[in-house]
Amino acid sequence: MTAIPDAPSPVLTRSALIVPVPSAEPVVGRHRRIMDRSAVGGVPAHVTVLYPFIPPSEIDETVIEAVAEVLRDVPAFDCTFAEVDWFGDHLVWLRPDPDLRFRELTNAVWERFPVHRPYAGVHDPVPHLTVGDAQLADLSTLRRVAEEIATELPITARIDEVRLMAGAYEPDSWRSLATFPLVGE
């Protein structure tokens, strides 16, 4: 019998710093897996801290230590996702409350890595948890899902870590490279 070789691992081309929100998975996970490219890639429900970040080939212990230094004294916090919102009619998302702590995380990391602007400067860094976008679902599906999710809110979350992930534009390609715990309160 001939063994079938494992598929080669994809070349990691992108990285991001995210705050995972596991408590959101029961509400949004099934929708994200079919309507959000990051979920298709293997990224959990999250609020983005900084994307795009450093190319994965350039991430080393020095970079990881620099991120750890930025986050070393950041306290963990609680937030609630009680509102469904939209960017235009092409992206449905959940709004974190409060969002100031997420903005502070983004600003702190961006200040340390100023070349890596949030969303490459294309979009304002509005803290959000993406549910689905028009690249993978039509508007009527997005509206139906937004209405369904609204009935399952609020979601409460303890924000206690930032995760460095890297992947490619391929299904299930994203991997955790490092986790940075926030300080317990």
C-alpha atoms as a PDB file:
ATOM      1  CA  MET A   1       0.000   0.000   0.000  1.00  0.00           C
ATOM      2  CA  THR A   2       1.315   3.428  -0.910  1.00  0.00           C
ATOM      3  CA  ALA A   3       0.959   6.212   1.615  1.00  0.00           C
ATOM      4  CA  ILE A   4      -0.587   9.400   0.370  1.00  0.00           C
ATOM      5  CA  PRO A   5       1.749  12.253   1.234  1.00  0.00           C
ATOM      6  CA  ASP A   6       0.434  15.005   3.439  1.00  0.00           C
ATOM      7  CA  ALA A   7      -0.468  18.171   1.609  1.00  0.00           C
ATOM      8  CA  PRO A   8       2.329  20.710   1.942  1.00  0.00           C
ATOM      9  CA  SER A   9       1.761  23.401   4.527  1.00  0.00           C
ATOM     10  CA  PRO A  10       0.823  26.705   2.931  1.00  0.00           C
ATOM     11  CA  VAL A  11       3.426  29.438   2.889  1.00  0.00           C
ATOM     12  CA  LEU A  12       2.422  31.913   5.577  1.00  0.00           C
ATOM     13  CA  THR A  13       2.086  35.302   3.898  1.00  0.00           C
ATOM     14  CA  ARG A  14       0.210  37.477   6.394  1.00  0.00           C
ATOM     15  CA  SER A  15       0.104  38.059  10.120  1.00  0.00           C
ATOM     16  CA  ALA A  16      -2.187  39.781  12.598  1.00  0.00           C
ATOM     17  CA  LEU A  17      -2.482  40.584  16.263  1.00  0.00           C
ATOM     18  CA  ILE A  18      -5.960  39.697  17.489  1.00  0.00           C
ATOM     19  CA  VAL A  19      -7.967  39.423  20.686  1.00  0.00           C
ATOM     20  CA  PRO A  20      -9.791  36.083  20.572  1.00  0.00           C
ATOM     21  CA  VAL A  21     -13.378  36.137  21.850  1.00  0.00           C
ATOM     22  CA  PRO A  22     -14.248  32.486  22.552  1.00  0.00           C
ATOM     23  CA  SER A  23     -17.552  33.381  24.228  1.00  0.00           C
ATOM     24  CA  ALA A  24     -18.799  34.663  20.845  1.00  0.00           C
ATOM     25  CA  GLU A  25     -18.236  31.346  19.045  1.00  0.00           C
ATOM     26  CA  PRO A  26     -21.568  29.734  20.049  1.00  0.00           C
ATOM     27  CA  VAL A  27     -23.449  32.702  18.548  1.00  0.00           C
ATOM     28  CA  VAL A  28     -21.344  33.629  15.509  1.00  0.00           C
ATOM     29  CA  GLY A  29     -19.110  30.627  14.791  1.00  0.00           C
ATOM     30  CA  ARG A  30     -21.421  28.757  12.430  1.00  0.00           C
ATOM     31  CA  HIS A  31     -22.037  31.943  10.435  1.00  0.00           C
ATOM     32  CA  ARG A  32     -18.416  33.040  10.352  1.00  0.00           C
ATOM     33  CA  ARG A  33     -17.275  29.665   8.974  1.00  0.00           C
ATOM     34  CA  ILE A  34     -19.206  30.324   5.775  1.00  0.00           C
ATOM     35  CA  MET A  35     -19.320  34.144   5.610  1.00  0.00           C
ATOM     36  CA  ASP A  36     -15.964  35.424   6.925  1.00  0.00           C
ATOM     37  CA  ARG A  37     -12.676  34.766   5.110  1.00  0.00           C
ATOM     38  CA  SER A  38     -10.666  34.904   8.318  1.00  0.00           C
ATOM     39  CA  ALA A  39     -12.807  32.148   9.865  1.00  0.00           C
ATOM     40  CA  VAL A  40     -12.446  30.049   6.714  1.00  0.00           C
ATOM     41  CA  GLY A  41      -8.699  30.531   7.173  1.00  0.00           C
ATOM     42  CA  GLY A  42      -8.890  29.250  10.750  1.00  0.00           C
ATOM     43  CA  VAL A  43      -8.944  32.496  12.737  1.00  0.00           C
ATOM     44  CA  PRO A  44     -11.292  32.339  15.769  1.00  0.00           C
ATOM     45  CA  ALA A  45     -13.931  34.952  16.566  1.00  0.00           C
ATOM     46  CA  HIS A  46     -11.905  38.027  17.434  1.00  0.00           C
ATOM     47  CA  VAL A  47     -11.391  41.753  17.531  1.00  0.00           C
ATOM     48  CA  THR A  48      -8.397  42.807  15.469  1.00  0.00           C
ATOM     49  CA  VAL A  49      -5.614  44.682  17.237  1.00  0.00           C
ATOM     50  CA  LEU A  50      -3.362  45.175  14.202  1.00  0.00           C
ATOM     51  CA  TYR A  51      -3.639  43.834  10.654  1.00  0.00           C
ATOM     52  CA  PRO A  52      -1.670  43.534   8.516  1.00  0.00           C
ATOM     53  CA  PHE A  53       1.255  43.040  10.827  1.00  0.00           C
ATOM     54  CA  ILE A  54       4.847  42.045  10.059  1.00  0.00           C
ATOM     55  CA  PRO A  55       5.341  39.505   7.247  1.00  0.00           C
ATOM     56  CA  PRO A  56       5.622  36.067   8.891  1.00  0.00           C
ATOM     57  CA  SER A  57       9.092  35.490   7.434  1.00  0.00           C
ATOM     58  CA  GLU A  58      10.296  38.526   9.439  1.00  0.00           C
ATOM     59  CA  ILE A  59       8.775  37.521  12.772  1.00  0.00           C
ATOM     60  CA  ASP A  60      11.469  36.403  15.176  1.00  0.00           C
ATOM     61  CA  GLU A  61      12.112  36.408  18.920  1.00  0.00           C
ATOM     62  CA  THR A  62      12.975  40.120  18.801  1.00  0.00           C
ATOM     63  CA  VAL A  63       9.558  40.966  17.339  1.00  0.00           C
ATOM     64  CA  ILE A  64       7.764  38.679  19.797  1.00  0.00           C
ATOM     65  CA  GLU A  65       9.629  40.234  22.723  1.00  0.00           C
ATOM     66  CA  ALA A  66       8.803  43.754  21.465  1.00  0.00           C
ATOM     67  CA  VAL A  67       5.083  42.897  21.328  1.00  0.00           C
ATOM     68  CA  ALA A  68       5.309  41.306  24.789  1.00  0.00           C
ATOM     69  CA  GLU A  69       6.940  44.460  26.103  1.00  0.00           C
ATOM     70  CA  VAL A  70       4.124  46.643  24.718  1.00  0.00           C
ATOM     71  CA  LEU A  71       1.461  44.409  26.275  1.00  0.00           C
ATOM     72  CA  ARG A  72       3.251  43.489  29.512  1.00  0.00           C
ATOM     73  CA  ASP A  73       1.331  45.877  31.783  1.00  0.00           C
ATOM     74  CA  VAL A  74      -1.997  46.001  29.930  1.00  0.00           C
ATOM     75  CA  PRO A  75      -4.792  44.905  32.260  1.00  0.00           C
ATOM     76  CA  ALA A  76      -7.367  42.327  31.246  1.00  0.00           C
ATOM     77  CA  PHE A  77     -10.890  43.696  30.898  1.00  0.00           C
ATOM     78  CA  ASP A  78     -14.498  42.753  30.348  1.00  0.00           C
ATOM     79  CA  CYS A  79     -16.635  43.832  27.437  1.00  0.00           C
ATOM     80  CA  THR A  80     -20.064  43.173  26.014  1.00  0.00           C
ATOM     81  CA  PHE A  81     -21.162  42.653  22.442  1.00  0.00           C
ATOM     82  CA  ALA A  82     -24.781  43.833  22.518  1.00  0.00           C
ATOM     83  CA  GLU A  83     -25.213  45.451  19.109  1.00  0.00           C
ATOM     84  CA  VAL A  84     -25.074  44.254  15.516  1.00  0.00           C
ATOM     85  CA  ASP A  85     -23.672  46.898  13.180  1.00  0.00           C
ATOM     86  CA  TRP A  86     -22.691  47.296   9.523  1.00  0.00           C
ATOM     87  CA  PHE A  87     -19.929  48.771   7.418  1.00  0.00           C
ATOM     88  CA  GLY A  88     -22.029  49.908   4.485  1.00  0.00           C
ATOM     89  CA  ASP A  89     -24.088  46.986   3.265  1.00  0.00           C
ATOM     90  CA  HIS A  90     -21.137  44.689   2.790  1.00  0.00           C
ATOM     91  CA  LEU A  91     -19.960  43.691   6.285  1.00  0.00           C
ATOM     92  CA  VAL A  92     -21.985  42.748   9.350  1.00  0.00           C
ATOM     93  CA  TRP A  93     -20.237  42.860  12.725  1.00  0.00           C
ATOM     94  CA  LEU A  94     -20.660  43.057  16.469  1.00  0.00           C
ATOM     95  CA  ARG A  95     -19.758  46.223  18.361  1.00  0.00           C
ATOM     96  CA  PRO A  96     -17.733  45.784  21.574  1.00  0.00           C
ATOM     97  CA  ASP A  97     -18.639  47.963  24.533  1.00  0.00           C
ATOM     98  CA  PRO A  98     -16.526  49.564  25.680  1.00  0.00           C
ATOM     99  CA  ASP A  99     -14.364  49.833  22.592  1.00  0.00           C
ATOM    100  CA  LEU A 100     -11.789  52.240  24.071  1.00  0.00           C
ATOM    101  CA  ARG A 101      -9.611  49.433  25.483  1.00  0.00           C
ATOM    102  CA  PHE A 102      -9.377  47.830  22.024  1.00  0.00           C
ATOM    103  CA  ARG A 103      -8.429  51.209  20.522  1.00  0.00           C
ATOM    104  CA  GLU A 104      -5.735  51.578  23.185  1.00  0.00           C
ATOM    105  CA  LEU A 105      -4.337  48.133  22.323  1.00  0.00           C
ATOM    106  CA  THR A 106      -4.204  49.027  18.632  1.00  0.00           C
ATOM    107  CA  ASN A 107      -2.590  52.394  19.300  1.00  0.00           C
ATOM    108  CA  ALA A 108       0.019  50.930  21.665  1.00  0.00           C
ATOM    109  CA  VAL A 109       1.149  48.271  19.193  1.00  0.00           C
ATOM    110  CA  TRP A 110       0.982  50.655  16.237  1.00  0.00           C
ATOM    111  CA  GLU A 111       3.107  53.182  18.155  1.00  0.00           C
ATOM    112  CA  ARG A 112       5.767  50.491  18.654  1.00  0.00           C
ATOM    113  CA  PHE A 113       5.497  49.318  15.009  1.00  0.00           C
ATOM    114  CA  PRO A 114       4.577  52.554  13.156  1.00  0.00           C
ATOM    115  CA  VAL A 115       5.248  51.149   9.681  1.00  0.00           C
ATOM    116  CA  HIS A 116       2.360  48.712  10.127  1.00  0.00           C
ATOM    117  CA  ARG A 117      -0.723  50.928   9.973  1.00  0.00           C
ATOM    118  CA  PRO A 118      -4.043  49.353  10.933  1.00  0.00           C
ATOM    119  CA  TYR A 119      -5.692  47.941   7.795  1.00  0.00           C
ATOM    120  CA  ALA A 120      -2.740  49.391   5.830  1.00  0.00           C
ATOM    121  CA  GLY A 121      -4.347  52.808   6.247  1.00  0.00           C
ATOM    122  CA  VAL A 122      -7.274  51.847   3.994  1.00  0.00           C
ATOM    123  CA  HIS A 123      -9.898  51.747   6.792  1.00  0.00           C
ATOM    124  CA  ASP A 124     -10.206  53.464  10.138  1.00  0.00           C
ATOM    125  CA  PRO A 125      -9.391  51.016  12.943  1.00  0.00           C
ATOM    126  CA  VAL A 126     -12.910  50.600  14.357  1.00  0.00           C
ATOM    127  CA  PRO A 127     -12.961  47.776  16.926  1.00  0.00           C
ATOM    128  CA  HIS A 128     -15.353  45.091  15.714  1.00  0.00           C
ATOM    129  CA  LEU A 129     -16.001  41.368  15.592  1.00  0.00           C
ATOM    130  CA  THR A 130     -16.735  40.394  11.985  1.00  0.00           C
ATOM    131  CA  VAL A 131     -19.632  38.027  11.405  1.00  0.00           C
ATOM    132  CA  GLY A 132     -19.775  38.010   7.612  1.00  0.00           C
ATOM    133  CA  ASP A 133     -19.061  39.967   4.486  1.00  0.00           C
ATOM    134  CA  ALA A 134     -20.418  40.359   0.983  1.00  0.00           C
ATOM    135  CA  GLN A 135     -17.408  38.557  -0.509  1.00  0.00           C
ATOM    136  CA  LEU A 136     -18.845  35.272   0.768  1.00  0.00           C
ATOM    137  CA  ALA A 137     -22.559  35.977   1.290  1.00  0.00           C
ATOM    138  CA  ASP A 138     -25.242  37.981  -0.461  1.00  0.00           C
ATOM    139  CA  LEU A 139     -26.941  40.931   1.214  1.00  0.00           C
ATOM    140  CA  SER A 140     -30.156  39.060   2.012  1.00  0.00           C
ATOM    141  CA  THR A 141     -28.175  36.339   3.801  1.00  0.00           C
ATOM    142  CA  LEU A 142     -26.173  38.920   5.741  1.00  0.00           C
ATOM    143  CA  ARG A 143     -29.402  40.668   6.791  1.00  0.00           C
ATOM    144  CA  ARG A 144     -31.028  37.398   7.866  1.00  0.00           C
ATOM    145  CA  VAL A 145     -27.970  36.438   9.927  1.00  0.00           C
ATOM    146  CA  ALA A 146     -27.765  39.919  11.494  1.00  0.00           C
ATOM    147  CA  GLU A 147     -31.396  39.631  12.613  1.00  0.00           C
ATOM    148  CA  GLU A 148     -30.848  36.121  13.965  1.00  0.00           C
ATOM    149  CA  ILE A 149     -27.714  37.062  15.903  1.00  0.00           C
ATOM    150  CA  ALA A 150     -29.379  40.147  17.384  1.00  0.00           C
ATOM    151  CA  THR A 151     -31.809  37.845  19.212  1.00  0.00           C
ATOM    152  CA  GLU A 152     -28.861  36.037  20.872  1.00  0.00           C
ATOM    153  CA  LEU A 153     -27.138  39.131  22.231  1.00  0.00           C
ATOM    154  CA  PRO A 154     -25.604  40.262  24.492  1.00  0.00           C
ATOM    155  CA  ILE A 155     -22.384  38.292  24.581  1.00  0.00           C
ATOM    156  CA  THR A 156     -20.086  38.996  27.507  1.00  0.00           C
ATOM    157  CA  ALA A 157     -16.368  38.444  27.176  1.00  0.00           C
ATOM    158  CA  ARG A 158     -13.281  38.529  29.339  1.00  0.00           C
ATOM    159  CA  ILE A 159     -10.460  39.983  27.265  1.00  0.00           C
ATOM    160  CA  ASP A 160      -7.321  38.450  28.728  1.00  0.00           C
ATOM    161  CA  GLU A 161      -4.915  37.810  25.860  1.00  0.00           C
ATOM    162  CA  VAL A 162      -3.632  39.054  22.538  1.00  0.00           C
ATOM    163  CA  ARG A 163      -2.610  36.452  19.996  1.00  0.00           C
ATOM    164  CA  LEU A 164      -0.118  36.741  17.138  1.00  0.00           C
ATOM    165  CA  MET A 165      -1.337  34.659  14.200  1.00  0.00           C
ATOM    166  CA  ALA A 166      -0.040  34.056  10.690  1.00  0.00           C
ATOM    167  CA  GLY A 167      -1.549  32.453   7.633  1.00  0.00           C
ATOM    168  CA  ALA A 168      -2.341  32.708   3.966  1.00  0.00           C
ATOM    169  CA  TYR A 169      -5.386  33.079   1.732  1.00  0.00           C
ATOM    170  CA  GLU A 170      -6.053  29.357   2.061  1.00  0.00           C
ATOM    171  CA  PRO A 171      -8.573  27.452   4.184  1.00  0.00           C
ATOM    172  CA  ASP A 172      -7.342  26.496   7.655  1.00  0.00           C
ATOM    173  CA  SER A 173      -3.914  28.049   7.079  1.00  0.00           C
ATOM    174  CA  TRP A 174      -3.781  30.449  10.033  1.00  0.00           C
ATOM    175  CA  ARG A 175      -1.680  29.425  13.055  1.00  0.00           C
ATOM    176  CA  SER A 176      -0.944  30.954  16.446  1.00  0.00           C
ATOM    177  CA  LEU A 177       2.672  32.030  16.708  1.00  0.00           C
ATOM    178  CA  ALA A 178       2.543  33.568  20.184  1.00  0.00           C
ATOM    179  CA  THR A 179       0.080  34.425  22.929  1.00  0.00           C
ATOM    180  CA  PHE A 180       0.465  37.462  25.150  1.00  0.00           C
ATOM    181  CA  PRO A 181      -1.539  37.271  28.388  1.00  0.00           C
ATOM    182  CA  LEU A 182      -2.970  40.500  29.716  1.00  0.00           C
ATOM    183  CA  VAL A 183      -2.525  41.277  33.398  1.00  0.00           C
ATOM    184  CA  GLY A 184      -5.282  39.891  35.622  1.00  0.00           C
ATOM    185  CA  GLU A 185      -7.247  42.367  37.696  1.00  0.00           C
END
